[in-house]
PDB file of N, CA and C in Angstrom:
ATOM      1  N   MET A   1      13.188 -26.711  -9.316  1.00  0.00           N
ATOM      2  CA  MET A   1      13.155 -25.298  -9.078  1.00  0.00           C
ATOM      3  C   MET A   1      11.856 -24.721  -9.634  1.00  0.00           C
ATOM      4  N   ALA A   2      11.226 -23.849  -8.888  1.00  0.00           N
ATOM      5  CA  ALA A   2       9.948 -23.275  -9.291  1.00  0.00           C
ATOM      6  C   ALA A   2      10.140 -22.241 -10.385  1.00  0.00           C
ATOM      7  N   SER A   3       9.195 -22.245 -11.326  1.00  0.00           N
ATOM      8  CA  SER A   3       9.246 -21.250 -12.397  1.00  0.00           C
ATOM      9  C   SER A   3       8.810 -19.897 -11.840  1.00  0.00           C
ATOM     10  N   PRO A   4       9.152 -18.805 -12.540  1.00  0.00           N
ATOM     11  CA  PRO A   4       8.739 -17.472 -12.070  1.00  0.00           C
ATOM     12  C   PRO A   4       7.225 -17.342 -11.910  1.00  0.00           C
ATOM     13  N   SER A   5       6.445 -17.966 -12.805  1.00  0.00           N
ATOM     14  CA  SER A   5       4.988 -17.860 -12.692  1.00  0.00           C
ATOM     15  C   SER A   5       4.468 -18.618 -11.469  1.00  0.00           C
ATOM     16  N   GLN A   6       5.070 -19.763 -11.144  1.00  0.00           N
ATOM     17  CA  GLN A   6       4.671 -20.503  -9.945  1.00  0.00           C
ATOM     18  C   GLN A   6       5.031 -19.716  -8.694  1.00  0.00           C
ATOM     19  N   HIS A   7       6.197 -19.119  -8.694  1.00  0.00           N
ATOM     20  CA  HIS A   7       6.637 -18.309  -7.557  1.00  0.00           C
ATOM     21  C   HIS A   7       5.692 -17.121  -7.379  1.00  0.00           C
ATOM     22  N   ASN A   8       5.309 -16.478  -8.473  1.00  0.00           N
ATOM     23  CA  ASN A   8       4.418 -15.326  -8.426  1.00  0.00           C
ATOM     24  C   ASN A   8       3.045 -15.716  -7.884  1.00  0.00           C
ATOM     25  N   ARG A   9       2.501 -16.851  -8.352  1.00  0.00           N
ATOM     26  CA  ARG A   9       1.199 -17.313  -7.860  1.00  0.00           C
ATOM     27  C   ARG A   9       1.258 -17.615  -6.378  1.00  0.00           C
ATOM     28  N   LEU A  10       2.336 -18.240  -5.926  1.00  0.00           N
ATOM     29  CA  LEU A  10       2.491 -18.550  -4.507  1.00  0.00           C
ATOM     30  C   LEU A  10       2.572 -17.273  -3.680  1.00  0.00           C
ATOM     31  N   SER A  11       3.320 -16.296  -4.171  1.00  0.00           N
ATOM     32  CA  SER A  11       3.442 -15.013  -3.467  1.00  0.00           C
ATOM     33  C   SER A  11       2.092 -14.321  -3.354  1.00  0.00           C
ATOM     34  N   ILE A  12       1.327 -14.320  -4.444  1.00  0.00           N
ATOM     35  CA  ILE A  12       0.004 -13.692  -4.429  1.00  0.00           C
ATOM     36  C   ILE A  12      -0.909 -14.419  -3.458  1.00  0.00           C
ATOM     37  N   TRP A  13      -0.889 -15.745  -3.473  1.00  0.00           N
ATOM     38  CA  TRP A  13      -1.727 -16.540  -2.578  1.00  0.00           C
ATOM     39  C   TRP A  13      -1.371 -16.252  -1.121  1.00  0.00           C
ATOM     40  N   LEU A  14      -0.076 -16.238  -0.786  1.00  0.00           N
ATOM     41  CA  LEU A  14       0.338 -15.959   0.590  1.00  0.00           C
ATOM     42  C   LEU A  14      -0.063 -14.556   1.017  1.00  0.00           C
ATOM     43  N   PHE A  15       0.067 -13.593   0.107  1.00  0.00           N
ATOM     44  CA  PHE A  15      -0.343 -12.217   0.411  1.00  0.00           C
ATOM     45  C   PHE A  15      -1.845 -12.165   0.688  1.00  0.00           C
ATOM     46  N   ALA A  16      -2.629 -12.837  -0.134  1.00  0.00           N
ATOM     47  CA  ALA A  16      -4.086 -12.826   0.046  1.00  0.00           C
ATOM     48  C   ALA A  16      -4.489 -13.460   1.374  1.00  0.00           C
ATOM     49  N   VAL A  17      -3.880 -14.586   1.720  1.00  0.00           N
ATOM     50  CA  VAL A  17      -4.181 -15.248   2.983  1.00  0.00           C
ATOM     51  C   VAL A  17      -3.821 -14.337   4.158  1.00  0.00           C
ATOM     52  N   THR A  18      -2.656 -13.715   4.093  1.00  0.00           N
ATOM     53  CA  THR A  18      -2.230 -12.803   5.157  1.00  0.00           C
ATOM     54  C   THR A  18      -3.172 -11.619   5.265  1.00  0.00           C
ATOM     55  N   LEU A  19      -3.539 -11.049   4.139  1.00  0.00           N
ATOM     56  CA  LEU A  19      -4.436  -9.905   4.132  1.00  0.00           C
ATOM     57  C   LEU A  19      -5.795 -10.267   4.719  1.00  0.00           C
ATOM     58  N   LEU A  20      -6.350 -11.394   4.300  1.00  0.00           N
ATOM     59  CA  LEU A  20      -7.647 -11.819   4.825  1.00  0.00           C
ATOM     60  C   LEU A  20      -7.573 -12.094   6.319  1.00  0.00           C
ATOM     61  N   THR A  21      -6.513 -12.719   6.752  1.00  0.00           N
ATOM     62  CA  THR A  21      -6.361 -13.030   8.168  1.00  0.00           C
ATOM     63  C   THR A  21      -6.281 -11.760   8.996  1.00  0.00           C
ATOM     64  N   CYS A  22      -5.470 -10.816   8.572  1.00  0.00           N
ATOM     65  CA  CYS A  22      -5.314  -9.571   9.327  1.00  0.00           C
ATOM     66  C   CYS A  22      -6.557  -8.705   9.257  1.00  0.00           C
ATOM     67  N   ALA A  23      -7.201  -8.664   8.111  1.00  0.00           N
ATOM     68  CA  ALA A  23      -8.381  -7.818   7.947  1.00  0.00           C
ATOM     69  C   ALA A  23      -9.549  -8.324   8.771  1.00  0.00           C
ATOM     70  N   ALA A  24      -9.587  -9.617   9.032  1.00  0.00           N
ATOM     71  CA  ALA A  24     -10.730 -10.193   9.727  1.00  0.00           C
ATOM     72  C   ALA A  24     -10.460 -10.446  11.204  1.00  0.00           C
ATOM     73  N   CYS A  25      -9.343  -9.977  11.727  1.00  0.00           N
ATOM     74  CA  CYS A  25      -8.979 -10.288  13.106  1.00  0.00           C
ATOM     75  C   CYS A  25     -10.025  -9.861  14.120  1.00  0.00           C
ATOM     76  N   SER A  26     -10.656  -8.715  13.933  1.00  0.00           N
ATOM     77  CA  SER A  26     -11.592  -8.232  14.925  1.00  0.00           C
ATOM     78  C   SER A  26     -13.040  -8.340  14.463  1.00  0.00           C
ATOM     79  N   ASP A  27     -13.288  -8.935  13.328  1.00  0.00           N
ATOM     80  CA  ASP A  27     -14.643  -9.033  12.799  1.00  0.00           C
ATOM     81  C   ASP A  27     -15.437 -10.118  13.498  1.00  0.00           C
ATOM     82  N   ALA A  28     -16.707  -9.879  13.648  1.00  0.00           N
ATOM     83  CA  ALA A  28     -17.595 -10.866  14.242  1.00  0.00           C
ATOM     84  C   ALA A  28     -17.812 -12.039  13.296  1.00  0.00           C
ATOM     85  N   VAL A  29     -17.705 -11.794  11.984  1.00  0.00           N
ATOM     86  CA  VAL A  29     -17.855 -12.839  10.966  1.00  0.00           C
ATOM     87  C   VAL A  29     -16.554 -12.934  10.203  1.00  0.00           C
ATOM     88  N   GLN A  30     -16.036 -14.153  10.061  1.00  0.00           N
ATOM     89  CA  GLN A  30     -14.767 -14.361   9.367  1.00  0.00           C
ATOM     90  C   GLN A  30     -14.883 -15.506   8.373  1.00  0.00           C
ATOM     91  N   LEU A  31     -14.357 -15.294   7.177  1.00  0.00           N
ATOM     92  CA  LEU A  31     -14.236 -16.354   6.188  1.00  0.00           C
ATOM     93  C   LEU A  31     -12.830 -16.901   6.316  1.00  0.00           C
ATOM     94  N   VAL A  32     -12.718 -18.126   6.776  1.00  0.00           N
ATOM     95  CA  VAL A  32     -11.409 -18.743   6.998  1.00  0.00           C
ATOM     96  C   VAL A  32     -11.328 -20.016   6.172  1.00  0.00           C
ATOM     97  N   GLY A  33     -10.136 -20.440   5.871  1.00  0.00           N
ATOM     98  CA  GLY A  33      -9.958 -21.686   5.127  1.00  0.00           C
ATOM     99  C   GLY A  33     -10.620 -21.643   3.759  1.00  0.00           C
ATOM    100  N   GLU A  34     -10.605 -20.485   3.122  1.00  0.00           N
ATOM    101  CA  GLU A  34     -11.268 -20.325   1.829  1.00  0.00           C
ATOM    102  C   GLU A  34     -10.524 -21.082   0.736  1.00  0.00           C
ATOM    103  N   THR A  35     -11.288 -21.781  -0.102  1.00  0.00           N
ATOM    104  CA  THR A  35     -10.749 -22.448  -1.283  1.00  0.00           C
ATOM    105  C   THR A  35     -11.564 -21.981  -2.480  1.00  0.00           C
ATOM    106  N   GLU A  36     -11.211 -22.455  -3.654  1.00  0.00           N
ATOM    107  CA  GLU A  36     -11.980 -22.110  -4.848  1.00  0.00           C
ATOM    108  C   GLU A  36     -13.382 -22.688  -4.782  1.00  0.00           C
ATOM    109  N   THR A  37     -13.570 -23.775  -4.044  1.00  0.00           N
ATOM    110  CA  THR A  37     -14.862 -24.468  -4.029  1.00  0.00           C
ATOM    111  C   THR A  37     -15.613 -24.360  -2.706  1.00  0.00           C
ATOM    112  N   GLY A  38     -15.157 -23.530  -1.787  1.00  0.00           N
ATOM    113  CA  GLY A  38     -15.876 -23.412  -0.519  1.00  0.00           C
ATOM    114  C   GLY A  38     -15.034 -22.774   0.559  1.00  0.00           C
ATOM    115  N   GLY A  39     -15.257 -23.220   1.782  1.00  0.00           N
ATOM    116  CA  GLY A  39     -14.508 -22.674   2.902  1.00  0.00           C
ATOM    117  C   GLY A  39     -15.254 -22.851   4.207  1.00  0.00           C
ATOM    118  N   VAL A  40     -14.860 -22.064   5.194  1.00  0.00           N
ATOM    119  CA  VAL A  40     -15.495 -22.069   6.506  1.00  0.00           C
ATOM    120  C   VAL A  40     -15.756 -20.631   6.907  1.00  0.00           C
ATOM    121  N   VAL A  41     -16.969 -20.347   7.337  1.00  0.00           N
ATOM    122  CA  VAL A  41     -17.319 -19.040   7.875  1.00  0.00           C
ATOM    123  C   VAL A  41     -17.566 -19.234   9.362  1.00  0.00           C
ATOM    124  N   THR A  42     -16.951 -18.378  10.178  1.00  0.00           N
ATOM    125  CA  THR A  42     -17.196 -18.431  11.616  1.00  0.00           C
ATOM    126  C   THR A  42     -17.810 -17.106  12.057  1.00  0.00           C
ATOM    127  N   TYR A  43     -18.598 -17.180  13.126  1.00  0.00           N
ATOM    128  CA  TYR A  43     -19.209 -15.964  13.655  1.00  0.00           C
ATOM    129  C   TYR A  43     -19.379 -16.079  15.163  1.00  0.00           C
ATOM    130  N   LEU A  44     -19.428 -14.910  15.797  1.00  0.00           N
ATOM    131  CA  LEU A  44     -19.582 -14.842  17.244  1.00  0.00           C
ATOM    132  C   LEU A  44     -21.020 -15.098  17.649  1.00  0.00           C
ATOM    133  N   TYR A  45     -21.185 -15.694  18.824  1.00  0.00           N
ATOM    134  CA  TYR A  45     -22.517 -15.841  19.403  1.00  0.00           C
ATOM    135  C   TYR A  45     -22.395 -15.896  20.912  1.00  0.00           C
ATOM    136  N   LYS A  46     -23.497 -15.634  21.567  1.00  0.00           N
ATOM    137  CA  LYS A  46     -23.570 -15.747  23.020  1.00  0.00           C
ATOM    138  C   LYS A  46     -24.721 -16.672  23.355  1.00  0.00           C
ATOM    139  N   GLU A  47     -24.448 -17.648  24.206  1.00  0.00           N
ATOM    140  CA  GLU A  47     -25.446 -18.648  24.559  1.00  0.00           C
ATOM    141  C   GLU A  47     -26.679 -18.002  25.200  1.00  0.00           C
ATOM    142  N   ASP A  48     -26.442 -16.998  26.033  1.00  0.00           N
ATOM    143  CA  ASP A  48     -27.563 -16.366  26.726  1.00  0.00           C
ATOM    144  C   ASP A  48     -28.312 -15.351  25.862  1.00  0.00           C
ATOM    145  N   ARG A  49     -27.915 -15.210  24.607  1.00  0.00           N
ATOM    146  CA  ARG A  49     -28.591 -14.289  23.686  1.00  0.00           C
ATOM    147  C   ARG A  49     -29.033 -15.005  22.417  1.00  0.00           C
ATOM    148  N   GLY A  50     -29.582 -16.167  22.581  1.00  0.00           N
ATOM    149  CA  GLY A  50     -30.131 -16.901  21.437  1.00  0.00           C
ATOM    150  C   GLY A  50     -29.239 -17.978  20.868  1.00  0.00           C
ATOM    151  N   GLY A  51     -28.044 -18.131  21.410  1.00  0.00           N
ATOM    152  CA  GLY A  51     -27.139 -19.163  20.917  1.00  0.00           C
ATOM    153  C   GLY A  51     -26.715 -18.907  19.478  1.00  0.00           C
ATOM    154  N   PRO A  52     -26.122 -19.888  18.840  1.00  0.00           N
ATOM    155  CA  PRO A  52     -25.610 -19.683  17.483  1.00  0.00           C
ATOM    156  C   PRO A  52     -26.708 -19.415  16.451  1.00  0.00           C
ATOM    157  N   MET A  53     -27.863 -20.044  16.609  1.00  0.00           N
ATOM    158  CA  MET A  53     -28.935 -19.863  15.623  1.00  0.00           C
ATOM    159  C   MET A  53     -29.640 -18.517  15.788  1.00  0.00           C
ATOM    160  N   GLY A  54     -29.571 -17.936  16.978  1.00  0.00           N
ATOM    161  CA  GLY A  54     -30.208 -16.652  17.227  1.00  0.00           C
ATOM    162  C   GLY A  54     -29.253 -15.474  17.169  1.00  0.00           C
ATOM    163  N   SER A  55     -27.997 -15.748  16.853  1.00  0.00           N
ATOM    164  CA  SER A  55     -26.998 -14.683  16.798  1.00  0.00           C
ATOM    165  C   SER A  55     -27.301 -13.714  15.668  1.00  0.00           C
ATOM    166  N   PRO A  56     -27.179 -12.412  15.922  1.00  0.00           N
ATOM    167  CA  PRO A  56     -27.365 -11.446  14.837  1.00  0.00           C
ATOM    168  C   PRO A  56     -26.287 -11.581  13.761  1.00  0.00           C
ATOM    169  N   HIS A  57     -25.178 -12.239  14.068  1.00  0.00           N
ATOM    170  CA  HIS A  57     -24.083 -12.399  13.105  1.00  0.00           C
ATOM    171  C   HIS A  57     -24.318 -13.567  12.150  1.00  0.00           C
ATOM    172  N   ARG A  58     -25.270 -14.442  12.457  1.00  0.00           N
ATOM    173  CA  ARG A  58     -25.533 -15.596  11.593  1.00  0.00           C
ATOM    174  C   ARG A  58     -25.980 -15.143  10.200  1.00  0.00           C
ATOM    175  N   LYS A  59     -26.859 -14.150  10.158  1.00  0.00           N
ATOM    176  CA  LYS A  59     -27.362 -13.659   8.874  1.00  0.00           C
ATOM    177  C   LYS A  59     -26.206 -13.144   8.010  1.00  0.00           C
ATOM    178  N   GLU A  60     -25.291 -12.394   8.621  1.00  0.00           N
ATOM    179  CA  GLU A  60     -24.131 -11.888   7.890  1.00  0.00           C
ATOM    180  C   GLU A  60     -23.244 -13.034   7.403  1.00  0.00           C
ATOM    181  N   ALA A  61     -23.088 -14.065   8.238  1.00  0.00           N
ATOM    182  CA  ALA A  61     -22.284 -15.233   7.841  1.00  0.00           C
ATOM    183  C   ALA A  61     -22.890 -15.909   6.616  1.00  0.00           C
ATOM    184  N   LEU A  62     -24.202 -16.059   6.605  1.00  0.00           N
ATOM    185  CA  LEU A  62     -24.865 -16.676   5.450  1.00  0.00           C
ATOM    186  C   LEU A  62     -24.762 -15.791   4.212  1.00  0.00           C
ATOM    187  N   GLN A  63     -24.739 -14.481   4.395  1.00  0.00           N
ATOM    188  CA  GLN A  63     -24.552 -13.572   3.261  1.00  0.00           C
ATOM    189  C   GLN A  63     -23.151 -13.711   2.668  1.00  0.00           C
ATOM    190  N   VAL A  64     -22.151 -13.937   3.531  1.00  0.00           N
ATOM    191  CA  VAL A  64     -20.779 -14.160   3.056  1.00  0.00           C
ATOM    192  C   VAL A  64     -20.740 -15.417   2.189  1.00  0.00           C
ATOM    193  N   ILE A  65     -21.425 -16.470   2.640  1.00  0.00           N
ATOM    194  CA  ILE A  65     -21.465 -17.718   1.873  1.00  0.00           C
ATOM    195  C   ILE A  65     -22.184 -17.491   0.543  1.00  0.00           C
ATOM    196  N   ASP A  66     -23.327 -16.792   0.582  1.00  0.00           N
ATOM    197  CA  ASP A  66     -24.068 -16.504  -0.660  1.00  0.00           C
ATOM    198  C   ASP A  66     -23.218 -15.743  -1.665  1.00  0.00           C
ATOM    199  N   LYS A  67     -22.421 -14.797  -1.177  1.00  0.00           N
ATOM    200  CA  LYS A  67     -21.553 -14.016  -2.065  1.00  0.00           C
ATOM    201  C   LYS A  67     -20.462 -14.904  -2.673  1.00  0.00           C
ATOM    202  N   LYS A  68     -19.909 -15.803  -1.861  1.00  0.00           N
ATOM    203  CA  LYS A  68     -18.859 -16.704  -2.330  1.00  0.00           C
ATOM    204  C   LYS A  68     -19.412 -17.728  -3.324  1.00  0.00           C
ATOM    205  N   CYS A  69     -20.672 -18.143  -3.123  1.00  0.00           N
ATOM    206  CA  CYS A  69     -21.276 -19.210  -3.922  1.00  0.00           C
ATOM    207  C   CYS A  69     -22.576 -18.726  -4.563  1.00  0.00           C
ATOM    208  N   PRO A  70     -22.510 -17.908  -5.604  1.00  0.00           N
ATOM    209  CA  PRO A  70     -23.733 -17.371  -6.198  1.00  0.00           C
ATOM    210  C   PRO A  70     -24.659 -18.436  -6.796  1.00  0.00           C
ATOM    211  N   SER A  71     -24.123 -19.615  -7.120  1.00  0.00           N
ATOM    212  CA  SER A  71     -24.946 -20.702  -7.677  1.00  0.00           C
ATOM    213  C   SER A  71     -25.489 -21.628  -6.602  1.00  0.00           C
ATOM    214  N   GLY A  72     -25.286 -21.272  -5.347  1.00  0.00           N
ATOM    215  CA  GLY A  72     -25.764 -22.099  -4.240  1.00  0.00           C
ATOM    216  C   GLY A  72     -24.628 -22.833  -3.559  1.00  0.00           C
ATOM    217  N   TYR A  73     -24.948 -23.466  -2.445  1.00  0.00           N
ATOM    218  CA  TYR A  73     -23.931 -24.161  -1.662  1.00  0.00           C
ATOM    219  C   TYR A  73     -24.561 -25.287  -0.858  1.00  0.00           C
ATOM    220  N   THR A  74     -23.708 -26.150  -0.359  1.00  0.00           N
ATOM    221  CA  THR A  74     -24.105 -27.225   0.539  1.00  0.00           C
ATOM    222  C   THR A  74     -23.341 -27.055   1.834  1.00  0.00           C
ATOM    223  N   VAL A  75     -24.038 -27.133   2.962  1.00  0.00           N
ATOM    224  CA  VAL A  75     -23.368 -27.098   4.262  1.00  0.00           C
ATOM    225  C   VAL A  75     -22.815 -28.495   4.513  1.00  0.00           C
ATOM    226  N   VAL A  76     -21.512 -28.572   4.666  1.00  0.00           N
ATOM    227  CA  VAL A  76     -20.848 -29.853   4.896  1.00  0.00           C
ATOM    228  C   VAL A  76     -20.888 -30.197   6.381  1.00  0.00           C
ATOM    229  N   ARG A  77     -20.681 -29.180   7.205  1.00  0.00           N
ATOM    230  CA  ARG A  77     -20.650 -29.390   8.651  1.00  0.00           C
ATOM    231  C   ARG A  77     -20.793 -28.047   9.339  1.00  0.00           C
ATOM    232  N   ASP A  78     -21.426 -28.037  10.505  1.00  0.00           N
ATOM    233  CA  ASP A  78     -21.434 -26.822  11.300  1.00  0.00           C
ATOM    234  C   ASP A  78     -21.374 -27.195  12.772  1.00  0.00           C
ATOM    235  N   GLY A  79     -20.817 -26.294  13.552  1.00  0.00           N
ATOM    236  CA  GLY A  79     -20.679 -26.546  14.979  1.00  0.00           C
ATOM    237  C   GLY A  79     -19.772 -25.513  15.620  1.00  0.00           C
ATOM    238  N   GLU A  80     -19.635 -25.642  16.925  1.00  0.00           N
ATOM    239  CA  GLU A  80     -18.820 -24.695  17.672  1.00  0.00           C
ATOM    240  C   GLU A  80     -17.350 -24.877  17.332  1.00  0.00           C
ATOM    241  N   VAL A  81     -16.668 -23.762  17.177  1.00  0.00           N
ATOM    242  CA  VAL A  81     -15.223 -23.782  16.957  1.00  0.00           C
ATOM    243  C   VAL A  81     -14.557 -23.128  18.153  1.00  0.00           C
ATOM    244  N   ARG A  82     -13.280 -23.324  18.266  1.00  0.00           N
ATOM    245  CA  ARG A  82     -12.539 -22.785  19.402  1.00  0.00           C
ATOM    246  C   ARG A  82     -12.757 -21.280  19.506  1.00  0.00           C
ATOM    247  N   GLY A  83     -13.070 -20.823  20.685  1.00  0.00           N
ATOM    248  CA  GLY A  83     -13.336 -19.405  20.917  1.00  0.00           C
ATOM    249  C   GLY A  83     -12.057 -18.614  21.052  1.00  0.00           C
ATOM    250  N   TYR A  84     -12.171 -17.434  21.575  1.00  0.00           N
ATOM    251  CA  TYR A  84     -11.029 -16.565  21.743  1.00  0.00           C
ATOM    252  C   TYR A  84     -11.107 -15.949  23.122  1.00  0.00           C
ATOM    253  N   SER A  85     -10.030 -15.372  23.549  1.00  0.00           N
ATOM    254  CA  SER A  85     -10.047 -14.626  24.798  1.00  0.00           C
ATOM    255  C   SER A  85      -9.202 -13.386  24.625  1.00  0.00           C
ATOM    256  N   GLY A  86      -9.473 -12.416  25.439  1.00  0.00           N
ATOM    257  CA  GLY A  86      -8.733 -11.172  25.355  1.00  0.00           C
ATOM    258  C   GLY A  86      -8.944 -10.387  26.637  1.00  0.00           C
ATOM    259  N   ILE A  87      -8.342  -9.261  26.718  1.00  0.00           N
ATOM    260  CA  ILE A  87      -8.474  -8.408  27.886  1.00  0.00           C
ATOM    261  C   ILE A  87      -9.361  -7.222  27.527  1.00  0.00           C
ATOM    262  N   SER A  88     -10.330  -6.946  28.370  1.00  0.00           N
ATOM    263  CA  SER A  88     -11.234  -5.841  28.142  1.00  0.00           C
ATOM    264  C   SER A  88     -11.044  -4.788  29.215  1.00  0.00           C
ATOM    265  N   SER A  89     -11.077  -3.544  28.790  1.00  0.00           N
ATOM    266  CA  SER A  89     -11.025  -2.463  29.770  1.00  0.00           C
ATOM    267  C   SER A  89     -12.046  -1.399  29.399  1.00  0.00           C
ATOM    268  N   THR A  90     -13.149  -1.812  28.799  1.00  0.00           N
ATOM    269  CA  THR A  90     -14.176  -0.869  28.394  1.00  0.00           C
ATOM    270  C   THR A  90     -15.141  -0.590  29.536  1.00  0.00           C
ATOM    271  N   ASP A  91     -15.708   0.569  29.528  1.00  0.00           N
ATOM    272  CA  ASP A  91     -16.706   0.980  30.522  1.00  0.00           C
ATOM    273  C   ASP A  91     -16.225   0.783  31.943  1.00  0.00           C
ATOM    274  N   GLY A  92     -14.929   0.875  32.169  1.00  0.00           N
ATOM    275  CA  GLY A  92     -14.412   0.727  33.518  1.00  0.00           C
ATOM    276  C   GLY A  92     -14.377  -0.692  34.029  1.00  0.00           C
ATOM    277  N   HIS A  93     -14.752  -1.663  33.192  1.00  0.00           N
ATOM    278  CA  HIS A  93     -14.718  -3.067  33.593  1.00  0.00           C
ATOM    279  C   HIS A  93     -13.463  -3.696  33.007  1.00  0.00           C
ATOM    280  N   GLU A  94     -12.625  -4.187  33.855  1.00  0.00           N
ATOM    281  CA  GLU A  94     -11.417  -4.841  33.377  1.00  0.00           C
ATOM    282  C   GLU A  94     -11.521  -6.325  33.667  1.00  0.00           C
ATOM    283  N   GLY A  95     -10.908  -7.112  32.820  1.00  0.00           N
ATOM    284  CA  GLY A  95     -10.903  -8.547  33.036  1.00  0.00           C
ATOM    285  C   GLY A  95     -10.832  -9.278  31.714  1.00  0.00           C
ATOM    286  N   GLU A  96     -10.842 -10.584  31.806  1.00  0.00           N
ATOM    287  CA  GLU A  96     -10.734 -11.413  30.614  1.00  0.00           C
ATOM    288  C   GLU A  96     -12.113 -11.600  29.987  1.00  0.00           C
ATOM    289  N   VAL A  97     -12.151 -11.502  28.675  1.00  0.00           N
ATOM    290  CA  VAL A  97     -13.386 -11.686  27.928  1.00  0.00           C
ATOM    291  C   VAL A  97     -13.219 -12.925  27.059  1.00  0.00           C
ATOM    292  N   THR A  98     -14.206 -13.775  27.051  1.00  0.00           N
ATOM    293  CA  THR A  98     -14.146 -14.941  26.171  1.00  0.00           C
ATOM    294  C   THR A  98     -15.354 -14.905  25.258  1.00  0.00           C
ATOM    295  N   GLY A  99     -15.193 -15.459  24.088  1.00  0.00           N
ATOM    296  CA  GLY A  99     -16.283 -15.483  23.126  1.00  0.00           C
ATOM    297  C   GLY A  99     -16.444 -16.874  22.576  1.00  0.00           C
ATOM    298  N   GLN A 100     -17.610 -17.115  22.046  1.00  0.00           N
ATOM    299  CA  GLN A 100     -17.871 -18.386  21.409  1.00  0.00           C
ATOM    300  C   GLN A 100     -18.081 -18.126  19.935  1.00  0.00           C
ATOM    301  N   ARG A 101     -17.540 -19.008  19.110  1.00  0.00           N
ATOM    302  CA  ARG A 101     -17.678 -18.887  17.660  1.00  0.00           C
ATOM    303  C   ARG A 101     -18.334 -20.144  17.121  1.00  0.00           C
ATOM    304  N   TRP A 102     -19.188 -19.948  16.150  1.00  0.00           N
ATOM    305  CA  TRP A 102     -19.847 -21.041  15.443  1.00  0.00           C
ATOM    306  C   TRP A 102     -19.264 -21.085  14.048  1.00  0.00           C
ATOM    307  N   GLY A 103     -19.014 -22.265  13.535  1.00  0.00           N
ATOM    308  CA  GLY A 103     -18.442 -22.405  12.199  1.00  0.00           C
ATOM    309  C   GLY A 103     -19.361 -23.144  11.261  1.00  0.00           C
ATOM    310  N   ILE A 104     -19.371 -22.716  10.007  1.00  0.00           N
ATOM    311  CA  ILE A 104     -20.147 -23.383   8.950  1.00  0.00           C
ATOM    312  C   ILE A 104     -19.171 -23.710   7.826  1.00  0.00           C
ATOM    313  N   ARG A 105     -18.924 -25.010   7.625  1.00  0.00           N
ATOM    314  CA  ARG A 105     -18.097 -25.460   6.496  1.00  0.00           C
ATOM    315  C   ARG A 105     -19.035 -25.682   5.331  1.00  0.00           C
ATOM    316  N   PHE A 106     -18.715 -25.088   4.184  1.00  0.00           N
ATOM    317  CA  PHE A 106     -19.614 -25.162   3.039  1.00  0.00           C
ATOM    318  C   PHE A 106     -18.833 -25.489   1.768  1.00  0.00           C
ATOM    319  N   ARG A 107     -19.582 -25.992   0.783  1.00  0.00           N
ATOM    320  CA  ARG A 107     -19.019 -26.303  -0.530  1.00  0.00           C
ATOM    321  C   ARG A 107     -19.945 -25.677  -1.570  1.00  0.00           C
ATOM    322  N   CYS A 108     -19.379 -24.920  -2.490  1.00  0.00           N
ATOM    323  CA  CYS A 108     -20.166 -24.287  -3.551  1.00  0.00           C
ATOM    324  C   CYS A 108     -20.645 -25.335  -4.551  1.00  0.00           C
ATOM    325  N   LYS A 109     -21.826 -25.097  -5.107  1.00  0.00           N
ATOM    326  CA  LYS A 109     -22.380 -26.015  -6.133  1.00  0.00           C
ATOM    327  C   LYS A 109     -21.849 -25.654  -7.492  1.00  0.00           C
TER     328      LYS A 109
END
């Protein structure tokens, strides 16, 4: 049986994960899979607008990593992650919108 302190830590952890997930649902840059020693940052990009390296969101993604790892970090892996789709009805254009996301898995030093 779990002690009250273990139960409390688990509750706080689940709340934090839920909060981060919901807060980042519509953000172009998302910190996902966060651990004490690193995580994964994903960001939106468009192939016809510079690809992942030319995305204006890349700089923000690297700033998120810098904030998480003030002593520096190592990129473990980076590459395309599963995109998303949704329905758009902006500017009178209706239809399905798809996006591409790039992910950077990092480990803090």
